[in-house]
Amino acid sequence: MKKIFASVFALLLIASAVQAQSVHLGIKAGANFDKIQGQSFKDGFDLGFQLGGFVDIGLSKTISIQPEVLFNQSNTKYAADSAIGGTVIKNLNDGDNIKLNYLSIPILLNVNVAKVLTLQAGPQYSILMNSHETVLENGQDAFKNGNFALAVGARVNLGGLQIYGRYNVGLSSINDATNSDNWKSQQIQVGIGLKIL
């Protein structure tokens, strides 16, 4: 699955770059407010962060494609009173924080509705980088290694500086411990980006 996703991503980049009217590179950083829906987790959003880079490939004056690569830290709180798959995550107590570190690759369609405002939407695939830290007492992984999500948001353009907000909703369950409970991720992102080229 990862090879297919990487191949499609590479083809989209090449096709877009060939027809591009402009290409800009940039860096971005911000905060994440994360939540995992499921009976094994506390309700509410928890603070994390994201850091990475982007390429904005202009296809016309109003439309561009923006692939990104982000290090995404997603935090949630564990509810030990509803054990995962009949057992518990090693060394965690009720209310302890679970940190899930992802390498996230969103591919966004940008639509400029005004000079200063851009609407964004597209798919995102995230690869779990620290699955070894979230194992159950029986040695089984608690979380799947990948997560598909839909990203929707907006960006304010102030010259080379960008201020953005985005909502990511998981499309697939990230539960690898049991089939009885769907765990779907939700994430609100806010941050700033800076065009460097």
N, C-alpha and C. Protein backbone atom coordinates (compact mmCIF):
# COMPACT_ATOMS: atom_id res chain seq x y z
N MET A 1 0.82 -1.19 0.00
CA MET A 1 0.00 0.00 0.00
C MET A 1 0.87 1.26 0.00
N LYS A 2 1.95 1.25 0.79
CA LYS A 2 2.83 2.41 0.86
C LYS A 2 3.48 2.67 -0.49
N LYS A 3 3.87 1.60 -1.22
CA LYS A 3 4.50 1.76 -2.53
C LYS A 3 3.53 2.35 -3.54
N ILE A 4 2.27 1.91 -3.49
CA ILE A 4 1.26 2.44 -4.40
C ILE A 4 1.03 3.91 -4.12
N PHE A 5 0.90 4.27 -2.85
CA PHE A 5 0.68 5.66 -2.47
C PHE A 5 1.86 6.52 -2.91
N ALA A 6 3.08 6.05 -2.69
CA ALA A 6 4.27 6.80 -3.08
C ALA A 6 4.35 6.98 -4.60
N SER A 7 3.97 5.95 -5.35
CA SER A 7 3.99 6.03 -6.82
C SER A 7 2.98 7.05 -7.33
N VAL A 8 1.76 6.99 -6.79
CA VAL A 8 0.72 7.96 -7.19
C VAL A 8 1.16 9.38 -6.84
N PHE A 9 1.73 9.54 -5.66
CA PHE A 9 2.22 10.84 -5.21
C PHE A 9 3.29 11.37 -6.16
N ALA A 10 4.25 10.52 -6.55
CA ALA A 10 5.32 10.93 -7.46
C ALA A 10 4.76 11.32 -8.83
N LEU A 11 3.82 10.54 -9.34
CA LEU A 11 3.21 10.85 -10.64
C LEU A 11 2.45 12.17 -10.61
N LEU A 12 1.72 12.41 -9.53
CA LEU A 12 1.00 13.69 -9.39
C LEU A 12 1.97 14.86 -9.36
N LEU A 13 3.06 14.70 -8.64
CA LEU A 13 4.05 15.77 -8.58
C LEU A 13 4.66 16.06 -9.94
N ILE A 14 5.04 15.01 -10.66
CA ILE A 14 5.66 15.18 -11.98
C ILE A 14 4.69 15.82 -12.95
N ALA A 15 3.44 15.30 -12.99
CA ALA A 15 2.44 15.85 -13.90
C ALA A 15 2.13 17.30 -13.58
N SER A 16 2.04 17.62 -12.29
CA SER A 16 1.74 18.99 -11.89
C SER A 16 2.90 19.93 -12.20
N ALA A 17 4.12 19.46 -11.95
CA ALA A 17 5.29 20.30 -12.18
C ALA A 17 5.47 20.63 -13.66
N VAL A 18 5.13 19.68 -14.54
CA VAL A 18 5.26 19.89 -15.98
C VAL A 18 4.34 21.03 -16.43
N GLN A 19 3.12 21.10 -15.87
CA GLN A 19 2.15 22.11 -16.27
C GLN A 19 2.16 23.34 -15.36
N ALA A 20 3.04 23.37 -14.39
CA ALA A 20 3.00 24.42 -13.37
C ALA A 20 3.32 25.78 -13.94
N GLN A 21 2.56 26.79 -13.49
CA GLN A 21 2.86 28.17 -13.83
C GLN A 21 3.85 28.76 -12.83
N SER A 22 3.82 28.24 -11.60
CA SER A 22 4.76 28.68 -10.58
C SER A 22 4.95 27.57 -9.55
N VAL A 23 6.13 27.51 -8.97
CA VAL A 23 6.42 26.53 -7.92
C VAL A 23 7.09 27.26 -6.76
N HIS A 24 6.55 27.05 -5.56
CA HIS A 24 7.11 27.67 -4.36
C HIS A 24 7.39 26.59 -3.32
N LEU A 25 8.52 26.71 -2.65
CA LEU A 25 8.87 25.83 -1.53
C LEU A 25 8.71 26.61 -0.23
N GLY A 26 8.34 25.89 0.83
CA GLY A 26 8.18 26.58 2.10
C GLY A 26 8.32 25.65 3.28
N ILE A 27 8.38 26.25 4.45
CA ILE A 27 8.43 25.52 5.71
C ILE A 27 7.22 25.93 6.54
N LYS A 28 6.82 25.08 7.47
CA LYS A 28 5.65 25.38 8.29
C LYS A 28 5.77 24.72 9.65
N ALA A 29 5.08 25.31 10.61
CA ALA A 29 5.07 24.77 11.98
C ALA A 29 3.79 25.23 12.65
N GLY A 30 3.34 24.43 13.62
CA GLY A 30 2.13 24.82 14.31
C GLY A 30 1.73 23.84 15.40
N ALA A 31 0.52 24.03 15.89
CA ALA A 31 -0.01 23.21 16.97
C ALA A 31 -1.09 22.28 16.44
N ASN A 32 -1.18 21.11 17.06
CA ASN A 32 -2.24 20.14 16.79
C ASN A 32 -3.11 20.01 18.03
N PHE A 33 -4.40 19.89 17.81
CA PHE A 33 -5.33 19.54 18.89
C PHE A 33 -5.97 18.22 18.46
N ASP A 34 -5.61 17.14 19.17
CA ASP A 34 -5.92 15.78 18.72
C ASP A 34 -6.92 15.08 19.62
N LYS A 35 -7.67 14.19 18.99
CA LYS A 35 -8.64 13.37 19.71
C LYS A 35 -8.79 12.05 18.96
N ILE A 36 -8.87 10.96 19.71
CA ILE A 36 -9.19 9.66 19.12
C ILE A 36 -10.53 9.23 19.68
N GLN A 37 -11.50 9.02 18.78
CA GLN A 37 -12.80 8.54 19.20
C GLN A 37 -12.73 7.05 19.43
N GLY A 38 -13.14 6.60 20.57
CA GLY A 38 -13.12 5.19 20.92
C GLY A 38 -13.23 5.05 22.43
N GLN A 39 -13.77 3.93 22.90
CA GLN A 39 -14.04 3.76 24.32
C GLN A 39 -12.77 3.65 25.15
N SER A 40 -11.62 3.44 24.53
CA SER A 40 -10.37 3.29 25.28
C SER A 40 -9.66 4.60 25.56
N PHE A 41 -10.26 5.73 25.15
CA PHE A 41 -9.59 7.02 25.28
C PHE A 41 -10.49 8.05 25.93
N LYS A 42 -9.86 8.97 26.64
CA LYS A 42 -10.59 10.06 27.28
C LYS A 42 -11.15 10.98 26.20
N ASP A 43 -12.31 11.56 26.48
CA ASP A 43 -12.92 12.48 25.54
C ASP A 43 -12.22 13.84 25.64
N GLY A 44 -12.11 14.55 24.53
CA GLY A 44 -11.50 15.87 24.53
C GLY A 44 -10.24 15.91 23.68
N PHE A 45 -9.83 17.12 23.31
CA PHE A 45 -8.67 17.33 22.46
C PHE A 45 -7.43 17.59 23.31
N ASP A 46 -6.28 17.06 22.87
CA ASP A 46 -5.01 17.25 23.56
C ASP A 46 -4.00 17.90 22.61
N LEU A 47 -3.10 18.68 23.18
CA LEU A 47 -2.16 19.49 22.42
C LEU A 47 -0.97 18.67 21.93
N GLY A 48 -0.61 18.85 20.66
CA GLY A 48 0.59 18.29 20.06
C GLY A 48 1.21 19.35 19.15
N PHE A 49 2.09 18.93 18.23
CA PHE A 49 2.70 19.91 17.32
C PHE A 49 2.96 19.26 15.97
N GLN A 50 3.23 20.11 14.98
CA GLN A 50 3.63 19.65 13.65
C GLN A 50 4.69 20.58 13.09
N LEU A 51 5.55 19.99 12.27
CA LEU A 51 6.68 20.72 11.69
C LEU A 51 7.02 20.06 10.36
N GLY A 52 7.24 20.86 9.31
CA GLY A 52 7.58 20.25 8.03
C GLY A 52 7.73 21.25 6.92
N GLY A 53 7.53 20.76 5.69
CA GLY A 53 7.71 21.59 4.52
C GLY A 53 6.62 21.32 3.50
N PHE A 54 6.53 22.22 2.52
CA PHE A 54 5.50 22.09 1.49
C PHE A 54 6.03 22.58 0.15
N VAL A 55 5.37 22.14 -0.92
CA VAL A 55 5.60 22.63 -2.27
C VAL A 55 4.25 23.10 -2.78
N ASP A 56 4.17 24.34 -3.23
CA ASP A 56 2.93 24.89 -3.79
C ASP A 56 3.13 24.99 -5.30
N ILE A 57 2.41 24.14 -6.05
CA ILE A 57 2.57 24.05 -7.51
C ILE A 57 1.37 24.71 -8.17
N GLY A 58 1.57 25.90 -8.72
CA GLY A 58 0.49 26.65 -9.33
C GLY A 58 0.10 26.08 -10.68
N LEU A 59 -1.19 25.78 -10.84
CA LEU A 59 -1.70 25.28 -12.12
C LEU A 59 -2.39 26.39 -12.90
N SER A 60 -2.90 27.40 -12.19
CA SER A 60 -3.51 28.58 -12.79
C SER A 60 -3.44 29.69 -11.75
N LYS A 61 -4.08 30.82 -12.04
CA LYS A 61 -4.06 31.92 -11.07
C LYS A 61 -4.86 31.58 -9.81
N THR A 62 -5.82 30.68 -9.94
CA THR A 62 -6.68 30.39 -8.79
C THR A 62 -6.51 28.98 -8.21
N ILE A 63 -5.84 28.08 -8.93
CA ILE A 63 -5.76 26.68 -8.47
C ILE A 63 -4.30 26.24 -8.38
N SER A 64 -3.97 25.54 -7.29
CA SER A 64 -2.64 24.94 -7.14
C SER A 64 -2.76 23.63 -6.38
N ILE A 65 -1.73 22.82 -6.48
CA ILE A 65 -1.60 21.57 -5.72
C ILE A 65 -0.51 21.78 -4.69
N GLN A 66 -0.78 21.35 -3.45
CA GLN A 66 0.20 21.55 -2.38
C GLN A 66 0.48 20.24 -1.64
N PRO A 67 1.50 19.49 -2.08
CA PRO A 67 1.93 18.33 -1.28
C PRO A 67 2.80 18.82 -0.11
N GLU A 68 2.69 18.10 1.00
CA GLU A 68 3.45 18.45 2.20
C GLU A 68 4.06 17.19 2.81
N VAL A 69 5.11 17.38 3.56
CA VAL A 69 5.67 16.32 4.40
C VAL A 69 5.80 16.92 5.80
N LEU A 70 5.12 16.29 6.77
CA LEU A 70 5.07 16.84 8.12
C LEU A 70 5.43 15.79 9.16
N PHE A 71 6.19 16.21 10.16
CA PHE A 71 6.29 15.42 11.39
C PHE A 71 5.14 15.88 12.26
N ASN A 72 4.27 14.94 12.63
CA ASN A 72 3.03 15.25 13.31
C ASN A 72 2.98 14.51 14.64
N GLN A 73 2.99 15.22 15.75
CA GLN A 73 2.82 14.54 17.04
C GLN A 73 1.36 14.65 17.47
N SER A 74 0.74 13.49 17.64
CA SER A 74 -0.66 13.41 18.02
C SER A 74 -0.74 12.86 19.44
N ASN A 75 -1.42 13.59 20.32
CA ASN A 75 -1.53 13.17 21.72
C ASN A 75 -2.97 12.85 22.06
N THR A 76 -3.14 11.86 22.93
CA THR A 76 -4.45 11.52 23.46
C THR A 76 -4.26 10.96 24.86
N LYS A 77 -5.34 10.84 25.61
CA LYS A 77 -5.23 10.31 26.98
C LYS A 77 -5.89 8.93 27.05
N TYR A 78 -5.22 8.02 27.72
CA TYR A 78 -5.63 6.62 27.85
C TYR A 78 -6.66 6.47 28.96
N ALA A 79 -7.68 5.64 28.70
CA ALA A 79 -8.68 5.32 29.72
C ALA A 79 -8.51 3.86 30.11
N ALA A 80 -7.79 3.59 31.17
CA ALA A 80 -7.46 2.21 31.56
C ALA A 80 -8.67 1.42 31.99
N ASP A 81 -9.76 2.10 32.39
CA ASP A 81 -10.95 1.37 32.85
C ASP A 81 -11.68 0.69 31.69
N SER A 82 -11.30 1.01 30.44
CA SER A 82 -11.87 0.29 29.29
C SER A 82 -10.70 -0.27 28.49
N ALA A 83 -10.16 -1.37 28.95
CA ALA A 83 -8.92 -1.93 28.40
C ALA A 83 -9.06 -2.23 26.92
N ILE A 84 -7.96 -2.03 26.19
CA ILE A 84 -7.90 -2.24 24.75
C ILE A 84 -7.79 -3.72 24.45
N GLY A 85 -8.74 -4.23 23.71
CA GLY A 85 -8.68 -5.63 23.30
C GLY A 85 -8.61 -6.59 24.47
N GLY A 86 -9.17 -6.20 25.60
CA GLY A 86 -9.17 -7.08 26.77
C GLY A 86 -7.90 -7.01 27.58
N THR A 87 -6.95 -6.17 27.19
CA THR A 87 -5.71 -6.01 27.95
C THR A 87 -5.36 -4.53 27.98
N VAL A 88 -4.20 -4.17 28.46
CA VAL A 88 -3.84 -2.76 28.60
C VAL A 88 -2.50 -2.48 27.92
N ILE A 89 -2.27 -1.21 27.61
CA ILE A 89 -0.98 -0.81 27.04
C ILE A 89 0.06 -0.83 28.14
N LYS A 90 1.23 -1.33 27.81
CA LYS A 90 2.31 -1.46 28.79
C LYS A 90 2.63 -0.13 29.46
N ASN A 91 2.82 -0.19 30.76
CA ASN A 91 3.31 0.93 31.56
C ASN A 91 2.43 2.18 31.52
N LEU A 92 1.14 2.04 31.19
CA LEU A 92 0.25 3.19 31.20
C LEU A 92 -0.84 3.02 32.25
N ASN A 93 -1.15 4.12 32.90
CA ASN A 93 -2.22 4.17 33.88
C ASN A 93 -3.35 5.05 33.37
N ASP A 94 -4.48 5.00 34.02
CA ASP A 94 -5.63 5.79 33.61
C ASP A 94 -5.27 7.28 33.56
N GLY A 95 -5.58 7.92 32.41
CA GLY A 95 -5.31 9.34 32.24
C GLY A 95 -3.93 9.66 31.70
N ASP A 96 -3.06 8.64 31.54
CA ASP A 96 -1.72 8.90 30.99
C ASP A 96 -1.81 9.31 29.52
N ASN A 97 -0.85 10.12 29.11
CA ASN A 97 -0.80 10.62 27.74
C ASN A 97 -0.17 9.58 26.81
N ILE A 98 -0.78 9.39 25.64
CA ILE A 98 -0.21 8.55 24.59
C ILE A 98 0.25 9.47 23.48
N LYS A 99 1.56 9.40 23.13
CA LYS A 99 2.11 10.21 22.06
C LYS A 99 2.27 9.33 20.82
N LEU A 100 1.60 9.70 19.74
CA LEU A 100 1.73 9.00 18.46
C LEU A 100 2.45 9.92 17.49
N ASN A 101 3.65 9.53 17.07
CA ASN A 101 4.43 10.34 16.15
C ASN A 101 4.23 9.83 14.73
N TYR A 102 3.74 10.70 13.86
CA TYR A 102 3.43 10.33 12.48
C TYR A 102 4.29 11.13 11.50
N LEU A 103 4.62 10.50 10.37
CA LEU A 103 5.10 11.20 9.19
C LEU A 103 3.88 11.32 8.29
N SER A 104 3.36 12.54 8.15
CA SER A 104 2.11 12.78 7.42
C SER A 104 2.39 13.39 6.06
N ILE A 105 1.65 12.90 5.05
CA ILE A 105 1.80 13.38 3.68
C ILE A 105 0.43 13.78 3.15
N PRO A 106 0.03 15.04 3.36
CA PRO A 106 -1.21 15.52 2.74
C PRO A 106 -0.93 16.00 1.31
N ILE A 107 -1.91 15.84 0.43
CA ILE A 107 -1.86 16.40 -0.91
C ILE A 107 -3.12 17.25 -1.06
N LEU A 108 -2.94 18.55 -1.04
CA LEU A 108 -4.07 19.47 -0.96
C LEU A 108 -4.33 20.17 -2.28
N LEU A 109 -5.59 20.36 -2.59
CA LEU A 109 -6.01 21.22 -3.68
C LEU A 109 -6.27 22.59 -3.09
N ASN A 110 -5.57 23.60 -3.60
CA ASN A 110 -5.74 24.98 -3.14
C ASN A 110 -6.59 25.75 -4.14
N VAL A 111 -7.58 26.45 -3.64
CA VAL A 111 -8.41 27.33 -4.48
C VAL A 111 -8.36 28.73 -3.89
N ASN A 112 -7.79 29.66 -4.64
CA ASN A 112 -7.67 31.04 -4.18
C ASN A 112 -9.00 31.76 -4.43
N VAL A 113 -9.74 32.03 -3.38
CA VAL A 113 -11.03 32.71 -3.52
C VAL A 113 -10.87 34.22 -3.41
N ALA A 114 -9.73 34.67 -2.92
CA ALA A 114 -9.38 36.09 -2.86
C ALA A 114 -7.85 36.16 -2.78
N LYS A 115 -7.30 37.36 -2.93
CA LYS A 115 -5.85 37.49 -2.90
C LYS A 115 -5.26 37.00 -1.59
N VAL A 116 -5.98 37.22 -0.51
CA VAL A 116 -5.45 36.84 0.81
C VAL A 116 -6.02 35.54 1.36
N LEU A 117 -6.99 34.92 0.66
CA LEU A 117 -7.65 33.73 1.22
C LEU A 117 -7.62 32.56 0.25
N THR A 118 -7.15 31.41 0.75
CA THR A 118 -7.09 30.17 -0.02
C THR A 118 -7.82 29.07 0.74
N LEU A 119 -8.74 28.39 0.06
CA LEU A 119 -9.40 27.22 0.64
C LEU A 119 -8.63 25.97 0.25
N GLN A 120 -8.54 24.99 1.16
CA GLN A 120 -7.74 23.80 0.94
C GLN A 120 -8.52 22.54 1.29
N ALA A 121 -8.31 21.47 0.51
CA ALA A 121 -8.91 20.17 0.81
C ALA A 121 -8.11 19.09 0.10
N GLY A 122 -8.07 17.89 0.70
CA GLY A 122 -7.38 16.78 0.07
C GLY A 122 -7.14 15.63 1.02
N PRO A 123 -6.62 14.53 0.47
CA PRO A 123 -6.33 13.36 1.30
C PRO A 123 -5.01 13.50 2.05
N GLN A 124 -4.89 12.75 3.13
CA GLN A 124 -3.63 12.70 3.89
C GLN A 124 -3.38 11.26 4.32
N TYR A 125 -2.15 10.81 4.11
CA TYR A 125 -1.75 9.50 4.61
C TYR A 125 -0.65 9.72 5.64
N SER A 126 -0.78 9.07 6.79
CA SER A 126 0.20 9.22 7.87
C SER A 126 0.78 7.86 8.24
N ILE A 127 2.09 7.82 8.43
CA ILE A 127 2.81 6.59 8.79
C ILE A 127 3.24 6.72 10.26
N LEU A 128 2.81 5.76 11.09
CA LEU A 128 3.16 5.77 12.50
C LEU A 128 4.63 5.43 12.68
N MET A 129 5.37 6.32 13.34
CA MET A 129 6.82 6.14 13.47
C MET A 129 7.24 5.51 14.79
N ASN A 130 6.36 5.50 15.79
CA ASN A 130 6.76 4.96 17.10
C ASN A 130 5.81 3.87 17.59
N SER A 131 5.47 2.94 16.69
CA SER A 131 4.53 1.87 17.06
C SER A 131 5.10 0.97 18.17
N HIS A 132 6.44 0.88 18.27
CA HIS A 132 7.06 0.04 19.29
C HIS A 132 6.78 0.55 20.71
N GLU A 133 6.36 1.82 20.84
CA GLU A 133 6.09 2.39 22.15
C GLU A 133 4.63 2.21 22.58
N THR A 134 3.81 1.68 21.69
CA THR A 134 2.38 1.54 22.00
C THR A 134 1.96 0.08 21.85
N VAL A 135 2.67 -0.81 22.53
CA VAL A 135 2.33 -2.23 22.48
C VAL A 135 1.50 -2.61 23.70
N LEU A 136 0.68 -3.62 23.51
CA LEU A 136 -0.13 -4.12 24.61
C LEU A 136 0.71 -5.03 25.49
N GLU A 137 0.20 -5.39 26.66
CA GLU A 137 0.93 -6.26 27.57
C GLU A 137 1.22 -7.62 26.94
N ASN A 138 0.39 -8.04 25.98
CA ASN A 138 0.63 -9.33 25.32
C ASN A 138 1.58 -9.20 24.14
N GLY A 139 2.15 -8.01 23.92
CA GLY A 139 3.13 -7.81 22.86
C GLY A 139 2.53 -7.39 21.53
N GLN A 140 1.21 -7.36 21.41
CA GLN A 140 0.55 -6.99 20.17
C GLN A 140 0.54 -5.47 20.02
N ASP A 141 0.65 -4.99 18.77
CA ASP A 141 0.57 -3.55 18.53
C ASP A 141 -0.83 -3.05 18.84
N ALA A 142 -0.90 -1.86 19.44
CA ALA A 142 -2.20 -1.25 19.74
C ALA A 142 -2.73 -0.47 18.54
N PHE A 143 -1.81 0.16 17.77
CA PHE A 143 -2.22 1.05 16.69
C PHE A 143 -1.70 0.55 15.35
N LYS A 144 -2.49 0.77 14.29
CA LYS A 144 -2.06 0.43 12.93
C LYS A 144 -0.92 1.34 12.51
N ASN A 145 -0.12 0.86 11.56
CA ASN A 145 1.05 1.62 11.10
C ASN A 145 0.70 2.77 10.18
N GLY A 146 -0.54 2.82 9.67
CA GLY A 146 -0.92 3.89 8.76
C GLY A 146 -2.31 4.40 9.04
N ASN A 147 -2.58 5.63 8.59
CA ASN A 147 -3.88 6.25 8.82
C ASN A 147 -4.24 7.13 7.63
N PHE A 148 -5.39 6.86 6.99
CA PHE A 148 -5.91 7.73 5.93
C PHE A 148 -6.84 8.76 6.54
N ALA A 149 -6.73 10.00 6.09
CA ALA A 149 -7.58 11.08 6.61
C ALA A 149 -7.96 12.03 5.49
N LEU A 150 -8.99 12.82 5.74
CA LEU A 150 -9.39 13.90 4.84
C LEU A 150 -9.07 15.21 5.54
N ALA A 151 -8.38 16.10 4.83
CA ALA A 151 -8.00 17.41 5.38
C ALA A 151 -8.81 18.50 4.69
N VAL A 152 -9.37 19.41 5.48
CA VAL A 152 -10.13 20.55 4.96
C VAL A 152 -9.72 21.77 5.77
N GLY A 153 -9.44 22.89 5.08
CA GLY A 153 -9.04 24.07 5.82
C GLY A 153 -8.95 25.31 4.97
N ALA A 154 -8.30 26.32 5.53
CA ALA A 154 -8.13 27.60 4.85
C ALA A 154 -6.78 28.19 5.24
N ARG A 155 -6.30 29.08 4.36
CA ARG A 155 -5.01 29.72 4.58
C ARG A 155 -5.14 31.21 4.28
N VAL A 156 -4.57 32.04 5.13
CA VAL A 156 -4.51 33.48 4.90
C VAL A 156 -3.11 33.79 4.38
N ASN A 157 -3.04 34.47 3.22
CA ASN A 157 -1.77 34.76 2.55
C ASN A 157 -1.37 36.21 2.80
N LEU A 158 -0.25 36.39 3.46
CA LEU A 158 0.28 37.73 3.76
C LEU A 158 1.66 37.84 3.15
N GLY A 159 1.72 37.92 1.82
CA GLY A 159 3.00 37.90 1.12
C GLY A 159 3.59 36.51 1.23
N GLY A 160 4.83 36.41 1.72
CA GLY A 160 5.47 35.11 1.90
C GLY A 160 5.04 34.39 3.16
N LEU A 161 4.33 35.09 4.05
CA LEU A 161 3.86 34.50 5.31
C LEU A 161 2.45 33.97 5.14
N GLN A 162 2.21 32.78 5.68
CA GLN A 162 0.88 32.16 5.60
C GLN A 162 0.43 31.79 7.01
N ILE A 163 -0.84 32.00 7.28
CA ILE A 163 -1.46 31.56 8.54
C ILE A 163 -2.56 30.58 8.14
N TYR A 164 -2.55 29.38 8.72
CA TYR A 164 -3.50 28.37 8.26
C TYR A 164 -4.20 27.68 9.43
N GLY A 165 -5.36 27.16 9.10
CA GLY A 165 -6.13 26.32 10.01
C GLY A 165 -6.69 25.15 9.21
N ARG A 166 -6.73 23.99 9.83
CA ARG A 166 -7.13 22.79 9.09
C ARG A 166 -7.80 21.80 10.05
N TYR A 167 -8.77 21.07 9.51
CA TYR A 167 -9.41 19.99 10.26
C TYR A 167 -9.16 18.69 9.51
N ASN A 168 -8.56 17.72 10.20
CA ASN A 168 -8.30 16.40 9.63
C ASN A 168 -9.19 15.38 10.32
N VAL A 169 -9.91 14.60 9.54
CA VAL A 169 -10.76 13.56 10.12
C VAL A 169 -10.33 12.21 9.55
N GLY A 170 -10.07 11.24 10.43
CA GLY A 170 -9.64 9.91 10.02
C GLY A 170 -10.75 9.18 9.27
N LEU A 171 -10.39 8.54 8.17
CA LEU A 171 -11.35 7.79 7.37
C LEU A 171 -11.32 6.30 7.68
N SER A 172 -10.25 5.85 8.33
CA SER A 172 -10.12 4.43 8.66
C SER A 172 -9.80 4.29 10.15
N SER A 173 -10.14 3.13 10.70
CA SER A 173 -9.84 2.86 12.11
C SER A 173 -8.35 2.61 12.28
N ILE A 174 -7.77 3.18 13.34
CA ILE A 174 -6.34 2.95 13.61
C ILE A 174 -6.15 1.88 14.68
N ASN A 175 -7.22 1.19 15.04
CA ASN A 175 -7.19 0.13 16.05
C ASN A 175 -6.58 -1.14 15.46
N ASP A 176 -5.45 -1.58 16.00
CA ASP A 176 -4.82 -2.82 15.56
C ASP A 176 -4.94 -3.91 16.62
N ALA A 177 -5.61 -3.58 17.74
CA ALA A 177 -5.67 -4.52 18.87
C ALA A 177 -6.90 -5.40 18.82
N THR A 178 -8.01 -4.85 18.35
CA THR A 178 -9.27 -5.60 18.34
C THR A 178 -10.17 -5.05 17.26
N ASN A 179 -11.06 -5.87 16.74
CA ASN A 179 -12.01 -5.42 15.72
C ASN A 179 -13.29 -4.86 16.33
N SER A 180 -13.43 -4.92 17.63
CA SER A 180 -14.70 -4.56 18.26
C SER A 180 -14.88 -3.07 18.47
N ASP A 181 -13.82 -2.27 18.38
CA ASP A 181 -13.92 -0.85 18.66
C ASP A 181 -13.21 -0.06 17.56
N ASN A 182 -13.94 0.83 16.88
CA ASN A 182 -13.33 1.69 15.88
C ASN A 182 -12.68 2.89 16.56
N TRP A 183 -11.41 3.13 16.23
CA TRP A 183 -10.72 4.31 16.73
C TRP A 183 -10.50 5.21 15.53
N LYS A 184 -11.15 6.35 15.53
CA LYS A 184 -10.99 7.31 14.43
C LYS A 184 -10.36 8.58 14.97
N SER A 185 -9.35 9.04 14.25
CA SER A 185 -8.63 10.23 14.69
C SER A 185 -9.33 11.50 14.21
N GLN A 186 -9.23 12.53 15.02
CA GLN A 186 -9.66 13.88 14.65
C GLN A 186 -8.55 14.83 15.05
N GLN A 187 -8.31 15.84 14.21
CA GLN A 187 -7.20 16.75 14.49
C GLN A 187 -7.54 18.14 13.97
N ILE A 188 -7.34 19.13 14.81
CA ILE A 188 -7.41 20.54 14.41
C ILE A 188 -5.98 21.05 14.38
N GLN A 189 -5.58 21.65 13.25
CA GLN A 189 -4.23 22.19 13.12
C GLN A 189 -4.31 23.69 12.90
N VAL A 190 -3.44 24.41 13.57
CA VAL A 190 -3.24 25.84 13.32
C VAL A 190 -1.75 26.10 13.28
N GLY A 191 -1.34 27.04 12.42
CA GLY A 191 0.09 27.30 12.35
C GLY A 191 0.43 28.37 11.35
N ILE A 192 1.73 28.53 11.13
CA ILE A 192 2.23 29.49 10.16
C ILE A 192 3.15 28.79 9.18
N GLY A 193 3.16 29.31 7.96
CA GLY A 193 4.06 28.81 6.93
C GLY A 193 4.83 29.98 6.35
N LEU A 194 5.99 29.68 5.79
CA LEU A 194 6.83 30.71 5.20
C LEU A 194 7.39 30.22 3.87
N LYS A 195 7.11 30.93 2.79
CA LYS A 195 7.69 30.60 1.49
C LYS A 195 9.16 30.97 1.52
N ILE A 196 10.03 30.01 1.16
CA ILE A 196 11.46 30.30 1.15
C ILE A 196 12.01 30.38 -0.25
N LEU A 197 11.26 29.94 -1.26
CA LEU A 197 11.63 30.06 -2.67
C LEU A 197 10.42 30.40 -3.49
